């Protein structure tokens, strides 16, 4: 069994250690892993960009091409979203790829040449000292591939297992560093999202404070317009009950309390997903990782829907200003969420 010596480029802790957002991963990142042993030296490089699903692109040297299915399975056990490019290169030990000389074949050729010389009464014309080895090397069967078909089955399996263990060590090391980079990047993105969440929360409070005055201003405008219209046409003033009924209808249409409540609920839900909701503790980390990006994307859509409804129902210039700022924050979060696994 090959004992692979692994060389890392970073001594960072586990990507999950101490992270305030343990379920988050960015879909962009890179990582490099190296491993060496009796089977040679392997270098693995992993790079990724965002993608709706998981797309694995493998680029391997010829000596490890037969291991591509195993490599892809290993990658898919750790990653769930993103377009991932994986390069795996194996450098065999010096001389391992050189053809091997079949000594028995060379000896047989030499003996046959000597017999031919004797049969033709050539005497010492052909001896072991004057046979040209360079010419013998060109004869069929003298040079064999490094792994002849006749090699013992157990020996071939042992060599293949040693190669896979070396590749596996290199890929796992690259994945560890890759995930650490993605975790660090996700933390920075989550902190930016939290700032926008706070901005939206502040704007919601300001909108809630302005909301009661929307009906009041409408009542005053409506009363002034009615009084002016009746005065211009020498008509009797409208009954207060008619004015109250109209204002009540407007108040019902312009009521945004339900939208504000749902908006605040979505903000709390989004924070819960970012930090890893305790209600999901029973779920595996893999299941949470697969769901985080999609959940955040769905919540962003709900935030945008409620914000649009608030802007259209309120019909107030001051509230409209807050709505614009909220929509800008939502759009910034949408761009970041698209890059989270």
Protein backbone atom coordinates (compact mmCIF):
# COMPACT_ATOMS: atom_id res chain seq x y z
CA UNK A 1 0.00 0.00 0.00
CA UNK A 2 1.58 3.29 -1.07
CA UNK A 3 2.25 5.81 1.70
CA UNK A 4 1.72 9.17 0.03
CA UNK A 5 3.49 12.18 1.45
CA UNK A 6 1.21 15.20 1.12
CA UNK A 7 2.53 18.77 0.88
CA UNK A 8 0.11 21.56 1.60
CA UNK A 9 0.39 25.21 0.69
CA UNK A 10 -1.75 26.37 3.62
CA UNK A 11 -2.05 25.37 7.27
CA UNK A 12 -5.48 26.91 7.73
CA UNK A 13 -8.02 25.30 9.99
CA UNK A 14 -11.11 23.52 8.78
CA UNK A 15 -13.34 25.77 6.70
CA UNK A 16 -16.14 25.27 9.18
CA UNK A 17 -14.07 26.13 12.25
CA UNK A 18 -15.40 29.24 13.95
CA UNK A 19 -17.38 30.39 10.93
CA UNK A 20 -20.44 32.54 11.77
CA UNK A 21 -22.10 31.19 8.62
CA UNK A 22 -21.32 27.43 8.66
CA UNK A 23 -23.82 26.54 5.91
CA UNK A 24 -22.57 29.04 3.33
CA UNK A 25 -20.13 28.45 0.49
CA UNK A 26 -19.28 30.71 -2.40
CA UNK A 27 -19.41 29.04 -5.80
CA UNK A 28 -16.17 30.71 -6.91
CA UNK A 29 -12.77 29.67 -5.64
CA UNK A 30 -9.65 27.67 -6.31
CA UNK A 31 -7.49 25.10 -4.56
CA UNK A 32 -4.33 23.14 -5.21
CA UNK A 33 -3.18 19.84 -3.76
CA UNK A 34 0.01 17.84 -4.17
CA UNK A 35 0.79 14.27 -3.16
CA UNK A 36 3.80 12.05 -3.85
CA UNK A 37 4.64 8.42 -3.28
CA UNK A 38 6.07 5.31 -4.91
CA UNK A 39 3.60 5.65 -7.79
CA UNK A 40 4.85 9.17 -8.63
CA UNK A 41 3.71 12.72 -7.89
CA UNK A 42 0.18 14.07 -8.42
CA UNK A 43 -0.86 17.73 -8.68
CA UNK A 44 -4.56 18.63 -8.53
CA UNK A 45 -5.95 22.10 -9.27
CA UNK A 46 -9.62 22.99 -8.74
CA UNK A 47 -11.32 26.16 -9.97
CA UNK A 48 -15.00 27.05 -10.08
CA UNK A 49 -17.44 29.74 -11.15
CA UNK A 50 -21.13 30.08 -10.38
CA UNK A 51 -23.70 27.86 -12.04
CA UNK A 52 -27.32 26.93 -11.27
CA UNK A 53 -26.40 23.26 -10.81
CA UNK A 54 -23.18 21.29 -10.48
CA UNK A 55 -21.09 20.89 -13.63
CA UNK A 56 -17.78 19.02 -13.30
CA UNK A 57 -15.15 19.42 -16.04
CA UNK A 58 -12.25 16.96 -15.70
CA UNK A 59 -8.87 17.41 -17.37
CA UNK A 60 -6.48 14.59 -16.55
CA UNK A 61 -3.19 13.28 -17.87
CA UNK A 62 -3.31 10.04 -19.85
CA UNK A 63 -1.87 8.04 -16.95
CA UNK A 64 -4.88 8.77 -14.73
CA UNK A 65 -7.64 9.04 -17.32
CA UNK A 66 -9.09 5.68 -16.25
CA UNK A 67 -9.66 7.16 -12.78
CA UNK A 68 -11.94 9.99 -14.00
CA UNK A 69 -15.20 8.33 -12.82
CA UNK A 70 -13.77 7.93 -9.31
CA UNK A 71 -12.47 11.51 -9.29
CA UNK A 72 -15.84 12.92 -10.36
CA UNK A 73 -17.65 10.86 -7.72
CA UNK A 74 -15.30 12.25 -5.07
CA UNK A 75 -15.87 15.82 -6.28
CA UNK A 76 -19.66 15.41 -6.22
CA UNK A 77 -19.54 14.16 -2.63
CA UNK A 78 -18.18 17.56 -1.56
CA UNK A 79 -19.70 20.07 -4.00
CA UNK A 80 -23.30 20.71 -4.98
CA UNK A 81 -23.40 23.86 -7.16
CA UNK A 82 -21.04 25.63 -9.53
CA UNK A 83 -19.13 24.98 -12.72
CA UNK A 84 -16.02 23.18 -11.45
CA UNK A 85 -12.87 22.55 -13.49
CA UNK A 86 -10.55 19.88 -12.06
CA UNK A 87 -7.06 19.28 -13.45
CA UNK A 88 -5.17 16.17 -12.29
CA UNK A 89 -1.61 15.52 -13.48
CA UNK A 90 0.45 12.46 -12.55
CA UNK A 91 4.24 12.43 -13.00
CA UNK A 92 5.57 8.88 -12.86
CA UNK A 93 8.86 8.06 -11.08
CA UNK A 94 12.02 8.39 -13.23
CA UNK A 95 12.31 5.43 -15.58
CA UNK A 96 8.86 4.09 -14.80
CA UNK A 97 7.59 4.86 -18.30
CA UNK A 98 10.64 3.53 -20.16
CA UNK A 99 10.33 0.29 -22.16
CA UNK A 100 11.76 -2.80 -20.49
CA UNK A 101 14.24 -5.21 -22.11
CA UNK A 102 13.15 -8.83 -22.32
CA UNK A 103 16.45 -10.51 -21.44
CA UNK A 104 15.13 -13.95 -22.31
CA UNK A 105 14.28 -12.76 -25.83
CA UNK A 106 17.74 -11.20 -26.29
CA UNK A 107 19.44 -14.38 -25.09
CA UNK A 108 17.30 -16.51 -27.40
CA UNK A 109 18.16 -14.32 -30.41
CA UNK A 110 21.89 -14.54 -29.59
CA UNK A 111 21.81 -18.32 -29.23
CA UNK A 112 19.91 -18.71 -32.49
CA UNK A 113 22.44 -16.51 -34.30
CA UNK A 114 25.25 -18.67 -32.93
CA UNK A 115 23.52 -21.84 -34.10
CA UNK A 116 23.02 -20.36 -37.56
CA UNK A 117 26.72 -19.48 -37.68
CA UNK A 118 27.69 -23.06 -36.74
CA UNK A 119 25.37 -24.58 -39.31
CA UNK A 120 26.90 -22.41 -42.02
CA UNK A 121 30.43 -23.36 -40.88
CA UNK A 122 31.16 -19.70 -40.09
CA UNK A 123 33.09 -20.71 -36.99
CA UNK A 124 33.70 -17.77 -34.75
CA UNK A 125 32.20 -15.28 -37.20
CA UNK A 126 29.25 -14.84 -34.83
CA UNK A 127 30.02 -14.81 -31.10
CA UNK A 128 28.68 -13.12 -28.04
CA UNK A 129 31.38 -10.49 -28.38
CA UNK A 130 30.57 -9.29 -31.85
CA UNK A 131 26.76 -9.37 -31.74
CA UNK A 132 25.42 -5.82 -32.16
CA UNK A 133 23.01 -5.22 -29.25
CA UNK A 134 21.64 -2.12 -30.94
CA UNK A 135 20.36 -4.30 -33.77
CA UNK A 136 18.99 -6.86 -31.33
CA UNK A 137 16.93 -4.09 -29.63
CA UNK A 138 15.05 -3.60 -32.90
CA UNK A 139 13.93 -7.21 -33.12
CA UNK A 140 10.32 -8.11 -32.20
CA UNK A 141 9.65 -8.94 -28.54
CA UNK A 142 12.86 -7.45 -27.16
CA UNK A 143 11.36 -4.21 -25.83
CA UNK A 144 8.21 -4.42 -23.75
CA UNK A 145 5.83 -1.79 -22.34
CA UNK A 146 6.29 -0.78 -18.68
CA UNK A 147 3.16 -2.73 -17.72
CA UNK A 148 3.14 -5.88 -19.86
CA UNK A 149 -0.14 -7.70 -20.30
CA UNK A 150 1.39 -10.74 -18.75
CA UNK A 151 1.97 -8.99 -15.43
CA UNK A 152 0.52 -10.73 -12.41
CA UNK A 153 -3.09 -9.72 -11.72
CA UNK A 154 -2.45 -8.98 -8.04
CA UNK A 155 0.56 -6.86 -8.92
CA UNK A 156 -1.48 -4.83 -11.44
CA UNK A 157 -4.23 -4.32 -8.89
CA UNK A 158 -1.71 -3.21 -6.28
CA UNK A 159 -0.19 -0.68 -8.69
CA UNK A 160 -3.64 0.63 -9.63
CA UNK A 161 -4.64 0.93 -5.97
CA UNK A 162 -1.43 2.80 -5.15
CA UNK A 163 -2.07 5.20 -8.01
CA UNK A 164 -5.66 5.84 -6.88
CA UNK A 165 -4.62 6.44 -3.26
CA UNK A 166 -2.11 9.02 -4.49
CA UNK A 167 -4.69 10.75 -6.70
CA UNK A 168 -7.30 10.63 -3.92
CA UNK A 169 -4.92 12.29 -1.45
CA UNK A 170 -4.13 15.06 -3.92
CA UNK A 171 -7.79 15.70 -4.81
CA UNK A 172 -8.91 15.72 -1.17
CA UNK A 173 -6.16 18.20 -0.28
CA UNK A 174 -7.17 20.47 -3.17
CA UNK A 175 -10.82 20.20 -2.08
CA UNK A 176 -9.94 21.15 1.50
CA UNK A 177 -8.12 24.29 0.43
CA UNK A 178 -10.78 25.03 -2.19
CA UNK A 179 -13.58 24.81 0.38
CA UNK A 180 -11.63 26.98 2.83
CA UNK A 181 -11.35 29.71 0.20
CA UNK A 182 -15.04 29.41 -0.67
CA UNK A 183 -16.01 29.60 3.00
CA UNK A 184 -13.93 32.75 3.55
CA UNK A 185 -15.46 34.38 0.49
CA UNK A 186 -18.97 33.38 1.61
CA UNK A 187 -18.43 35.04 4.99
CA UNK A 188 -17.55 38.34 3.31
CA UNK A 189 -20.62 38.03 1.08
CA UNK A 190 -22.88 37.22 4.05
CA UNK A 191 -21.60 40.26 5.93
CA UNK A 192 -22.47 42.44 2.95
CA UNK A 193 -25.94 40.85 2.78
CA UNK A 194 -26.44 41.52 6.50
CA UNK A 195 -25.71 45.22 5.96
CA UNK A 196 -28.42 45.35 3.28
CA UNK A 197 -30.81 43.47 5.55
CA UNK A 198 -30.28 46.10 8.22
CA UNK A 199 -30.85 48.84 5.65
CA UNK A 200 -34.15 47.28 4.56
CA UNK A 201 -35.18 46.82 8.19
CA UNK A 202 -34.49 50.49 8.93
CA UNK A 203 -36.42 51.59 5.86
CA UNK A 204 -39.35 49.37 6.86
CA UNK A 205 -39.57 51.10 10.23
CA UNK A 206 -39.54 54.49 8.54
CA UNK A 207 -42.24 53.40 6.09
CA UNK A 208 -44.35 52.09 8.99
CA UNK A 209 -44.08 55.48 10.68
CA UNK A 210 -45.11 57.29 7.49
CA UNK A 211 -47.99 54.96 6.64
CA UNK A 212 -50.65 56.52 8.96
CA UNK A 213 -49.99 59.97 7.52
CA UNK A 214 -50.72 58.73 3.99
CA UNK A 215 -54.44 58.37 4.79
CA UNK A 216 -54.46 61.63 6.70
CA UNK A 217 -52.94 63.54 3.79
CA UNK A 218 -55.34 61.87 1.38
CA UNK A 219 -58.32 62.90 3.53
CA UNK A 220 -57.12 66.51 3.59
CA UNK A 221 -56.49 66.58 -0.16
CA UNK A 222 -59.83 64.96 -0.90
CA UNK A 223 -61.72 67.38 1.37
CA UNK A 224 -60.02 70.40 -0.18
CA UNK A 225 -60.78 69.18 -3.70
CA UNK A 226 -64.42 68.46 -2.88
CA UNK A 227 -64.96 71.81 -1.17
CA UNK A 228 -63.33 73.60 -4.09
CA UNK A 229 -65.41 71.71 -6.66
CA UNK A 230 -68.68 72.33 -4.81
CA UNK A 231 -67.85 76.00 -4.32
CA UNK A 232 -67.03 76.50 -7.99
CA UNK A 233 -70.35 74.92 -9.00
CA UNK A 234 -72.50 76.52 -6.26
CA UNK A 235 -73.46 73.11 -4.87
CA UNK A 236 -74.29 72.04 -1.35
CA UNK A 237 -71.27 70.76 0.62
CA UNK A 238 -70.84 67.00 0.73
CA UNK A 239 -71.99 65.12 3.78
CA UNK A 240 -69.20 64.11 6.20
CA UNK A 241 -70.34 60.51 5.97
CA UNK A 242 -69.60 60.49 2.23
CA UNK A 243 -66.11 61.81 2.86
CA UNK A 244 -65.50 59.25 5.59
CA UNK A 245 -66.68 56.41 3.35
CA UNK A 246 -64.31 57.44 0.54
CA UNK A 247 -61.39 57.86 2.91
CA UNK A 248 -62.08 54.44 4.41
CA UNK A 249 -62.06 52.82 0.99
CA UNK A 250 -58.71 54.46 0.24
CA UNK A 251 -57.35 53.40 3.64
CA UNK A 252 -58.25 49.79 2.87
CA UNK A 253 -56.54 49.94 -0.52
CA UNK A 254 -53.45 51.73 0.82
CA UNK A 255 -53.02 49.60 3.94
CA UNK A 256 -49.49 48.14 3.83
CA UNK A 257 -49.32 46.76 7.37
CA UNK A 258 -49.65 43.18 6.11
CA UNK A 259 -46.88 43.67 3.55
CA UNK A 260 -44.59 45.20 6.17
CA UNK A 261 -45.22 42.26 8.50
CA UNK A 262 -44.41 39.73 5.78
CA UNK A 263 -41.35 41.72 4.74
CA UNK A 264 -39.98 41.66 8.29
CA UNK A 265 -40.73 37.94 8.47
CA UNK A 266 -38.75 37.34 5.27
CA UNK A 267 -35.84 39.35 6.68
CA UNK A 268 -35.79 37.15 9.79
CA UNK A 269 -36.05 34.03 7.63
CA UNK A 270 -33.13 35.13 5.50
CA UNK A 271 -30.96 35.71 8.56
CA UNK A 272 -31.90 32.25 9.79
CA UNK A 273 -30.79 30.65 6.54
CA UNK A 274 -27.53 32.62 6.51
CA UNK A 275 -26.45 31.49 9.97
CA UNK A 276 -27.96 28.01 9.73
CA UNK A 277 -31.42 27.73 11.27
CA UNK A 278 -31.44 25.67 14.45
CA UNK A 279 -34.59 23.95 13.21
CA UNK A 280 -32.44 22.25 10.60
CA UNK A 281 -29.91 20.82 13.06
CA UNK A 282 -31.23 17.33 12.40
CA UNK A 283 -30.49 17.62 8.70
CA UNK A 284 -27.08 16.67 7.39
CA UNK A 285 -24.63 19.38 6.42
CA UNK A 286 -24.82 18.17 2.82
CA UNK A 287 -28.59 18.64 2.71
CA UNK A 288 -28.31 22.12 4.23
CA UNK A 289 -25.56 23.04 1.77
CA UNK A 290 -27.66 22.01 -1.19
CA UNK A 291 -30.63 24.05 0.02
CA UNK A 292 -29.03 27.31 1.20
CA UNK A 293 -28.50 28.97 -2.17
CA UNK A 294 -31.97 28.06 -3.46
CA UNK A 295 -33.67 29.15 -0.23
CA UNK A 296 -31.96 32.53 -0.29
CA UNK A 297 -32.89 33.00 -3.93
CA UNK A 298 -36.55 32.27 -3.14
CA UNK A 299 -36.58 34.67 -0.17
CA UNK A 300 -35.07 37.40 -2.36
CA UNK A 301 -37.98 36.96 -4.77
CA UNK A 302 -40.47 37.32 -1.89
CA UNK A 303 -38.70 40.43 -0.57
CA UNK A 304 -38.90 42.00 -4.01
CA UNK A 305 -42.60 41.12 -4.37
CA UNK A 306 -43.55 42.65 -1.01
CA UNK A 307 -41.49 45.77 -1.67
CA UNK A 308 -43.16 46.32 -5.04
CA UNK A 309 -46.58 45.92 -3.43
CA UNK A 310 -45.74 48.48 -0.75
CA UNK A 311 -44.65 50.98 -3.38
CA UNK A 312 -47.75 50.53 -5.51
CA UNK A 313 -50.30 50.52 -2.65
CA UNK A 314 -48.92 53.39 -0.58
CA UNK A 315 -48.92 55.94 -3.40
CA UNK A 316 -46.78 58.35 -1.39
CA UNK A 317 -43.64 60.18 -2.53
CA UNK A 318 -41.75 59.78 0.75
CA UNK A 319 -42.53 56.08 0.97
CA UNK A 320 -41.54 55.72 -2.68
CA UNK A 321 -38.05 57.02 -1.84
CA UNK A 322 -37.65 54.36 0.84
CA UNK A 323 -38.95 51.70 -1.53
CA UNK A 324 -36.33 52.63 -4.13
CA UNK A 325 -33.55 52.23 -1.55
CA UNK A 326 -34.99 48.90 -0.44
CA UNK A 327 -35.14 47.63 -4.04
CA UNK A 328 -31.51 48.66 -4.60
CA UNK A 329 -30.49 46.69 -1.50
CA UNK A 330 -32.51 43.68 -2.67
CA UNK A 331 -30.82 43.78 -6.08
CA UNK A 332 -27.37 43.86 -4.45
CA UNK A 333 -28.31 40.85 -2.35
CA UNK A 334 -29.69 39.04 -5.40
CA UNK A 335 -26.33 39.31 -7.17
CA UNK A 336 -24.51 37.92 -4.14
CA UNK A 337 -27.02 35.12 -3.55
CA UNK A 338 -26.55 33.93 -7.14
CA UNK A 339 -22.96 33.10 -6.19
CA UNK A 340 -23.76 31.09 -3.04
CA UNK A 341 -24.04 27.32 -2.95
